[in-house]
PDB file of all heavy atoms in Angstrom:
ATOM      1  N   LEU A   1      -6.223  32.388 -45.008  1.00  0.00           N
ATOM      2  CA  LEU A   1      -5.498  33.498 -45.657  1.00  0.00           C
ATOM      3  C   LEU A   1      -6.522  34.486 -46.099  1.00  0.00           C
ATOM      4  O   LEU A   1      -6.353  35.717 -45.922  1.00  0.00           O
ATOM      5  CB  LEU A   1      -4.827  32.902 -46.876  1.00  0.00           C
ATOM      6  CG  LEU A   1      -3.509  32.325 -46.627  1.00  0.00           C
ATOM      7  CD1 LEU A   1      -3.095  31.591 -48.058  1.00  0.00           C
ATOM      8  CD2 LEU A   1      -2.480  33.209 -46.219  1.00  0.00           C
ATOM      9  N   THR A   2      -7.718  34.169 -46.359  1.00  0.00           N
ATOM     10  CA  THR A   2      -8.964  34.982 -46.817  1.00  0.00           C
ATOM     11  C   THR A   2      -9.212  35.910 -45.462  1.00  0.00           C
ATOM     12  O   THR A   2      -9.222  37.089 -45.646  1.00  0.00           O
ATOM     13  CB  THR A   2     -10.069  34.231 -47.387  1.00  0.00           C
ATOM     14  OG1 THR A   2      -9.728  33.534 -48.415  1.00  0.00           O
ATOM     15  CG2 THR A   2     -11.176  35.312 -47.784  1.00  0.00           C
ATOM     16  N   ALA A   3      -9.347  35.257 -44.495  1.00  0.00           N
ATOM     17  CA  ALA A   3      -9.734  35.944 -43.212  1.00  0.00           C
ATOM     18  C   ALA A   3      -8.607  36.882 -42.843  1.00  0.00           C
ATOM     19  O   ALA A   3      -8.765  38.042 -42.442  1.00  0.00           O
ATOM     20  CB  ALA A   3     -10.023  34.923 -42.183  1.00  0.00           C
ATOM     21  N   PHE A   4      -7.337  36.465 -43.011  1.00  0.00           N
ATOM     22  CA  PHE A   4      -6.179  37.210 -42.700  1.00  0.00           C
ATOM     23  C   PHE A   4      -6.051  38.492 -43.487  1.00  0.00           C
ATOM     24  O   PHE A   4      -5.823  39.555 -42.953  1.00  0.00           O
ATOM     25  CB  PHE A   4      -4.936  36.434 -42.816  1.00  0.00           C
ATOM     26  CG  PHE A   4      -3.616  37.109 -42.309  1.00  0.00           C
ATOM     27  CD1 PHE A   4      -3.363  37.113 -40.925  1.00  0.00           C
ATOM     28  CD2 PHE A   4      -2.776  37.712 -43.210  1.00  0.00           C
ATOM     29  CE1 PHE A   4      -2.188  37.812 -40.539  1.00  0.00           C
ATOM     30  CE2 PHE A   4      -1.625  38.318 -42.798  1.00  0.00           C
ATOM     31  CZ  PHE A   4      -1.352  38.392 -41.482  1.00  0.00           C
ATOM     32  N   SER A   5      -6.397  38.226 -44.801  1.00  0.00           N
ATOM     33  CA  SER A   5      -6.275  39.370 -45.691  1.00  0.00           C
ATOM     34  C   SER A   5      -7.285  40.485 -45.417  1.00  0.00           C
ATOM     35  O   SER A   5      -7.139  41.680 -45.863  1.00  0.00           O
ATOM     36  CB  SER A   5      -6.467  38.987 -47.158  1.00  0.00           C
ATOM     37  OG  SER A   5      -7.813  38.501 -47.334  1.00  0.00           O
ATOM     38  N   GLN A   6      -8.362  40.215 -44.738  1.00  0.00           N
ATOM     39  CA  GLN A   6      -9.385  41.124 -44.391  1.00  0.00           C
ATOM     40  C   GLN A   6      -9.147  42.020 -43.081  1.00  0.00           C
ATOM     41  O   GLN A   6      -9.898  42.837 -42.706  1.00  0.00           O
ATOM     42  CB  GLN A   6     -10.703  40.451 -44.330  1.00  0.00           C
ATOM     43  CG  GLN A   6     -11.209  39.803 -45.625  1.00  0.00           C
ATOM     44  CD  GLN A   6     -12.396  38.979 -45.500  1.00  0.00           C
ATOM     45  OE1 GLN A   6     -12.958  38.730 -44.436  1.00  0.00           O
ATOM     46  NE2 GLN A   6     -13.021  38.586 -46.723  1.00  0.00           N
ATOM     47  N   ARG A   7      -8.061  41.634 -42.532  1.00  0.00           N
ATOM     48  CA  ARG A   7      -7.608  42.321 -41.263  1.00  0.00           C
ATOM     49  C   ARG A   7      -6.482  43.281 -41.623  1.00  0.00           C
ATOM     50  O   ARG A   7      -5.559  42.912 -42.366  1.00  0.00           O
ATOM     51  CB  ARG A   7      -7.310  41.341 -40.125  1.00  0.00           C
ATOM     52  CG  ARG A   7      -8.430  40.611 -39.482  1.00  0.00           C
ATOM     53  CD  ARG A   7      -7.967  39.959 -38.310  1.00  0.00           C
ATOM     54  NE  ARG A   7      -7.408  41.001 -37.299  1.00  0.00           N
ATOM     55  CZ  ARG A   7      -6.773  40.600 -36.162  1.00  0.00           C
ATOM     56  NH1 ARG A   7      -6.598  39.264 -35.938  1.00  0.00           N
ATOM     57  NH2 ARG A   7      -6.270  41.405 -35.277  1.00  0.00           N
ATOM     58  N   SER A   8      -6.402  44.389 -40.895  1.00  0.00           N
ATOM     59  CA  SER A   8      -5.204  45.259 -41.014  1.00  0.00           C
ATOM     60  C   SER A   8      -4.562  45.355 -39.683  1.00  0.00           C
ATOM     61  O   SER A   8      -5.230  45.391 -38.607  1.00  0.00           O
ATOM     62  CB  SER A   8      -5.670  46.748 -41.476  1.00  0.00           C
ATOM     63  OG  SER A   8      -6.599  47.214 -40.583  1.00  0.00           O
ATOM     64  N   PHE A   9      -3.267  45.366 -39.649  1.00  0.00           N
ATOM     65  CA  PHE A   9      -2.527  45.243 -38.264  1.00  0.00           C
ATOM     66  C   PHE A   9      -1.627  46.553 -38.284  1.00  0.00           C
ATOM     67  O   PHE A   9      -1.048  46.923 -39.268  1.00  0.00           O
ATOM     68  CB  PHE A   9      -1.683  43.946 -38.352  1.00  0.00           C
ATOM     69  CG  PHE A   9      -2.321  42.786 -38.274  1.00  0.00           C
ATOM     70  CD1 PHE A   9      -2.685  42.023 -39.360  1.00  0.00           C
ATOM     71  CD2 PHE A   9      -2.788  42.218 -37.015  1.00  0.00           C
ATOM     72  CE1 PHE A   9      -3.377  40.892 -39.377  1.00  0.00           C
ATOM     73  CE2 PHE A   9      -3.510  41.028 -37.009  1.00  0.00           C
ATOM     74  CZ  PHE A   9      -3.828  40.286 -38.242  1.00  0.00           C
ATOM     75  N   GLU A  10      -1.583  47.087 -37.106  1.00  0.00           N
ATOM     76  CA  GLU A  10      -0.608  48.190 -36.867  1.00  0.00           C
ATOM     77  C   GLU A  10       0.771  47.575 -36.572  1.00  0.00           C
ATOM     78  O   GLU A  10       0.833  46.650 -35.648  1.00  0.00           O
ATOM     79  CB  GLU A  10      -1.097  49.051 -35.704  1.00  0.00           C
ATOM     80  CG  GLU A  10      -2.298  49.849 -35.875  1.00  0.00           C
ATOM     81  CD  GLU A  10      -2.772  50.628 -34.660  1.00  0.00           C
ATOM     82  OE1 GLU A  10      -1.934  50.512 -33.658  1.00  0.00           O
ATOM     83  OE2 GLU A  10      -3.818  51.195 -34.667  1.00  0.00           O
ATOM     84  N   ARG A  11       1.768  47.998 -37.236  1.00  0.00           N
ATOM     85  CA  ARG A  11       3.114  47.601 -37.065  1.00  0.00           C
ATOM     86  C   ARG A  11       3.802  48.482 -36.145  1.00  0.00           C
ATOM     87  O   ARG A  11       3.715  49.766 -36.235  1.00  0.00           O
ATOM     88  CB  ARG A  11       3.802  47.368 -38.314  1.00  0.00           C
ATOM     89  CG  ARG A  11       3.087  46.539 -39.370  1.00  0.00           C
ATOM     90  CD  ARG A  11       3.033  45.026 -38.874  1.00  0.00           C
ATOM     91  NE  ARG A  11       2.066  44.291 -39.738  1.00  0.00           N
ATOM     92  CZ  ARG A  11       1.878  43.007 -39.552  1.00  0.00           C
ATOM     93  NH1 ARG A  11       2.486  42.307 -38.489  1.00  0.00           N
ATOM     94  NH2 ARG A  11       1.097  42.279 -40.310  1.00  0.00           N
ATOM     95  N   THR A  12       4.775  48.130 -35.371  1.00  0.00           N
ATOM     96  CA  THR A  12       5.532  48.820 -34.601  1.00  0.00           C
ATOM     97  C   THR A  12       6.584  49.612 -35.329  1.00  0.00           C
ATOM     98  O   THR A  12       7.202  49.161 -36.372  1.00  0.00           O
ATOM     99  CB  THR A  12       6.308  47.950 -33.391  1.00  0.00           C
ATOM    100  OG1 THR A  12       6.881  48.846 -32.501  1.00  0.00           O
ATOM    101  CG2 THR A  12       7.214  46.901 -33.958  1.00  0.00           C
ATOM    102  N   ASP A  13       7.100  50.733 -34.773  1.00  0.00           N
ATOM    103  CA  ASP A  13       8.119  51.501 -35.278  1.00  0.00           C
ATOM    104  C   ASP A  13       9.439  51.057 -34.557  1.00  0.00           C
ATOM    105  O   ASP A  13      10.604  51.560 -34.920  1.00  0.00           O
ATOM    106  CB  ASP A  13       7.953  52.996 -35.063  1.00  0.00           C
ATOM    107  CG  ASP A  13       6.743  53.463 -35.895  1.00  0.00           C
ATOM    108  OD1 ASP A  13       6.541  53.016 -36.991  1.00  0.00           O
ATOM    109  OD2 ASP A  13       6.184  54.544 -35.530  1.00  0.00           O
ATOM    110  N   ALA A  14       9.217  50.266 -33.500  1.00  0.00           N
ATOM    111  CA  ALA A  14      10.513  49.782 -32.750  1.00  0.00           C
ATOM    112  C   ALA A  14      11.374  48.983 -33.617  1.00  0.00           C
ATOM    113  O   ALA A  14      11.005  48.150 -34.372  1.00  0.00           O
ATOM    114  CB  ALA A  14      10.036  48.999 -31.509  1.00  0.00           C
ATOM    115  N   GLN A  15      12.735  49.423 -33.630  1.00  0.00           N
ATOM    116  CA  GLN A  15      13.700  48.679 -34.405  1.00  0.00           C
ATOM    117  C   GLN A  15      14.155  47.354 -33.798  1.00  0.00           C
ATOM    118  O   GLN A  15      14.095  47.106 -32.546  1.00  0.00           O
ATOM    119  CB  GLN A  15      14.934  49.425 -34.548  1.00  0.00           C
ATOM    120  CG  GLN A  15      14.617  50.956 -35.382  1.00  0.00           C
ATOM    121  CD  GLN A  15      14.161  50.668 -36.753  1.00  0.00           C
ATOM    122  OE1 GLN A  15      14.704  49.908 -37.435  1.00  0.00           O
ATOM    123  NE2 GLN A  15      12.861  51.188 -37.003  1.00  0.00           N
ATOM    124  N   PRO A  16      14.518  46.257 -34.614  1.00  0.00           N
ATOM    125  CA  PRO A  16      15.103  45.029 -34.161  1.00  0.00           C
ATOM    126  C   PRO A  16      16.259  45.393 -33.189  1.00  0.00           C
ATOM    127  O   PRO A  16      17.001  46.347 -33.402  1.00  0.00           O
ATOM    128  CB  PRO A  16      15.493  44.421 -35.447  1.00  0.00           C
ATOM    129  CG  PRO A  16      14.707  45.050 -36.554  1.00  0.00           C
ATOM    130  CD  PRO A  16      14.468  46.396 -36.141  1.00  0.00           C
ATOM    131  N   VAL A  17      16.434  44.508 -32.237  1.00  0.00           N
ATOM    132  CA  VAL A  17      17.396  44.580 -31.213  1.00  0.00           C
ATOM    133  C   VAL A  17      18.446  43.297 -31.396  1.00  0.00           C
ATOM    134  O   VAL A  17      17.884  42.273 -31.213  1.00  0.00           O
ATOM    135  CB  VAL A  17      16.943  44.735 -29.784  1.00  0.00           C
ATOM    136  CG1 VAL A  17      18.012  44.715 -28.901  1.00  0.00           C
ATOM    137  CG2 VAL A  17      16.184  45.996 -29.727  1.00  0.00           C
ATOM    138  N   ALA A  18      19.702  43.585 -31.601  1.00  0.00           N
ATOM    139  CA  ALA A  18      20.570  42.473 -31.830  1.00  0.00           C
ATOM    140  C   ALA A  18      21.293  42.357 -30.410  1.00  0.00           C
ATOM    141  O   ALA A  18      21.853  43.259 -29.749  1.00  0.00           O
ATOM    142  CB  ALA A  18      21.645  42.824 -32.748  1.00  0.00           C
ATOM    143  N   LEU A  19      21.195  41.102 -29.795  1.00  0.00           N
ATOM    144  CA  LEU A  19      21.883  40.800 -28.523  1.00  0.00           C
ATOM    145  C   LEU A  19      23.036  39.963 -28.637  1.00  0.00           C
ATOM    146  O   LEU A  19      23.098  39.070 -29.650  1.00  0.00           O
ATOM    147  CB  LEU A  19      20.789  40.071 -27.547  1.00  0.00           C
ATOM    148  CG  LEU A  19      19.469  40.913 -27.261  1.00  0.00           C
ATOM    149  CD1 LEU A  19      18.589  40.122 -26.323  1.00  0.00           C
ATOM    150  CD2 LEU A  19      19.846  42.318 -26.715  1.00  0.00           C
ATOM    151  N   THR A  20      23.944  39.970 -27.754  1.00  0.00           N
ATOM    152  CA  THR A  20      25.161  39.147 -27.755  1.00  0.00           C
ATOM    153  C   THR A  20      24.888  37.889 -27.004  1.00  0.00           C
ATOM    154  O   THR A  20      24.313  37.945 -25.782  1.00  0.00           O
ATOM    155  CB  THR A  20      26.314  39.768 -27.076  1.00  0.00           C
ATOM    156  OG1 THR A  20      26.533  41.083 -27.771  1.00  0.00           O
ATOM    157  CG2 THR A  20      27.502  38.938 -27.001  1.00  0.00           C
ATOM    158  N   LEU A  21      24.926  36.719 -27.582  1.00  0.00           N
ATOM    159  CA  LEU A  21      24.541  35.479 -27.012  1.00  0.00           C
ATOM    160  C   LEU A  21      25.796  34.816 -26.361  1.00  0.00           C
ATOM    161  O   LEU A  21      26.886  34.903 -26.806  1.00  0.00           O
ATOM    162  CB  LEU A  21      23.893  34.477 -27.983  1.00  0.00           C
ATOM    163  CG  LEU A  21      22.635  35.120 -28.695  1.00  0.00           C
ATOM    164  CD1 LEU A  21      22.101  34.246 -29.832  1.00  0.00           C
ATOM    165  CD2 LEU A  21      21.511  35.337 -27.651  1.00  0.00           C
ATOM    166  N   PRO A  22      25.552  33.849 -25.358  1.00  0.00           N
ATOM    167  CA  PRO A  22      26.677  33.067 -24.767  1.00  0.00           C
ATOM    168  C   PRO A  22      27.300  32.108 -25.799  1.00  0.00           C
ATOM    169  O   PRO A  22      26.527  31.529 -26.566  1.00  0.00           O
ATOM    170  CB  PRO A  22      25.964  32.362 -23.666  1.00  0.00           C
ATOM    171  CG  PRO A  22      24.757  33.094 -23.400  1.00  0.00           C
ATOM    172  CD  PRO A  22      24.239  33.698 -24.678  1.00  0.00           C
ATOM    173  N   ALA A  23      28.567  32.029 -25.879  1.00  0.00           N
ATOM    174  CA  ALA A  23      29.179  31.245 -26.794  1.00  0.00           C
ATOM    175  C   ALA A  23      29.091  29.735 -26.453  1.00  0.00           C
ATOM    176  O   ALA A  23      29.120  29.366 -25.140  1.00  0.00           O
ATOM    177  CB  ALA A  23      30.762  31.475 -26.913  1.00  0.00           C
ATOM    178  N   GLY A  24      28.926  28.907 -27.412  1.00  0.00           N
ATOM    179  CA  GLY A  24      28.890  27.525 -27.205  1.00  0.00           C
ATOM    180  C   GLY A  24      27.645  26.927 -26.544  1.00  0.00           C
ATOM    181  O   GLY A  24      27.702  25.775 -26.058  1.00  0.00           O
ATOM    182  N   ARG A  25      26.484  27.751 -26.413  1.00  0.00           N
ATOM    183  CA  ARG A  25      25.311  27.202 -25.801  1.00  0.00           C
ATOM    184  C   ARG A  25      24.327  26.878 -26.845  1.00  0.00           C
ATOM    185  O   ARG A  25      24.077  27.680 -27.856  1.00  0.00           O
ATOM    186  CB  ARG A  25      24.731  28.318 -24.801  1.00  0.00           C
ATOM    187  CG  ARG A  25      25.551  28.567 -23.661  1.00  0.00           C
ATOM    188  CD  ARG A  25      25.411  27.444 -22.606  1.00  0.00           C
ATOM    189  NE  ARG A  25      25.742  27.941 -21.279  1.00  0.00           N
ATOM    190  CZ  ARG A  25      25.920  27.208 -20.126  1.00  0.00           C
ATOM    191  NH1 ARG A  25      25.598  25.889 -20.281  1.00  0.00           N
ATOM    192  NH2 ARG A  25      26.241  27.652 -19.004  1.00  0.00           N
ATOM    193  N   THR A  26      23.608  25.784 -26.626  1.00  0.00           N
ATOM    194  CA  THR A  26      22.380  25.504 -27.431  1.00  0.00           C
ATOM    195  C   THR A  26      21.193  25.802 -26.576  1.00  0.00           C
ATOM    196  O   THR A  26      20.362  26.567 -26.925  1.00  0.00           O
ATOM    197  CB  THR A  26      22.300  24.048 -27.962  1.00  0.00           C
ATOM    198  OG1 THR A  26      23.436  23.800 -28.819  1.00  0.00           O
ATOM    199  CG2 THR A  26      21.110  23.805 -28.734  1.00  0.00           C
ATOM    200  N   VAL A  27      21.190  25.186 -25.360  1.00  0.00           N
ATOM    201  CA  VAL A  27      20.248  25.553 -24.343  1.00  0.00           C
ATOM    202  C   VAL A  27      20.820  26.518 -23.432  1.00  0.00           C
ATOM    203  O   VAL A  27      21.927  26.268 -22.683  1.00  0.00           O
ATOM    204  CB  VAL A  27      19.825  24.289 -23.459  1.00  0.00           C
ATOM    205  CG1 VAL A  27      18.788  24.675 -22.524  1.00  0.00           C
ATOM    206  CG2 VAL A  27      19.123  23.278 -24.505  1.00  0.00           C
ATOM    207  N   VAL A  28      20.301  27.657 -23.335  1.00  0.00           N
ATOM    208  CA  VAL A  28      20.810  28.798 -22.451  1.00  0.00           C
ATOM    209  C   VAL A  28      20.096  28.813 -21.102  1.00  0.00           C
ATOM    210  O   VAL A  28      18.911  28.937 -21.084  1.00  0.00           O
ATOM    211  CB  VAL A  28      20.790  30.133 -23.001  1.00  0.00           C
ATOM    212  CG1 VAL A  28      21.361  31.152 -22.208  1.00  0.00           C
ATOM    213  CG2 VAL A  28      21.440  30.178 -24.445  1.00  0.00           C
ATOM    214  N   PRO A  29      20.726  28.361 -20.021  1.00  0.00           N
ATOM    215  CA  PRO A  29      19.979  28.296 -18.703  1.00  0.00           C
ATOM    216  C   PRO A  29      19.469  29.612 -18.268  1.00  0.00           C
ATOM    217  O   PRO A  29      19.830  30.706 -18.705  1.00  0.00           O
ATOM    218  CB  PRO A  29      20.951  27.673 -17.803  1.00  0.00           C
ATOM    219  CG  PRO A  29      22.276  28.074 -18.397  1.00  0.00           C
ATOM    220  CD  PRO A  29      22.096  28.118 -19.870  1.00  0.00           C
ATOM    221  N   GLU A  30      18.623  29.477 -17.290  1.00  0.00           N
ATOM    222  CA  GLU A  30      17.787  30.655 -16.779  1.00  0.00           C
ATOM    223  C   GLU A  30      18.728  31.957 -16.434  1.00  0.00           C
ATOM    224  O   GLU A  30      18.414  33.064 -16.996  1.00  0.00           O
ATOM    225  CB  GLU A  30      17.027  30.324 -15.548  1.00  0.00           C
ATOM    226  CG  GLU A  30      16.359  31.488 -14.991  1.00  0.00           C
ATOM    227  CD  GLU A  30      15.592  31.083 -13.656  1.00  0.00           C
ATOM    228  OE1 GLU A  30      15.717  29.961 -13.113  1.00  0.00           O
ATOM    229  OE2 GLU A  30      14.844  32.054 -13.111  1.00  0.00           O
TER     230      GLU A  30
END
């Protein structure tokens, strides 16, 4: 945590993307 606090990261302006997922799938094939 100490090492992490000493770094600064550039964050993206790209917005989250919501996708429609197949119904009834836990493992989604290729």
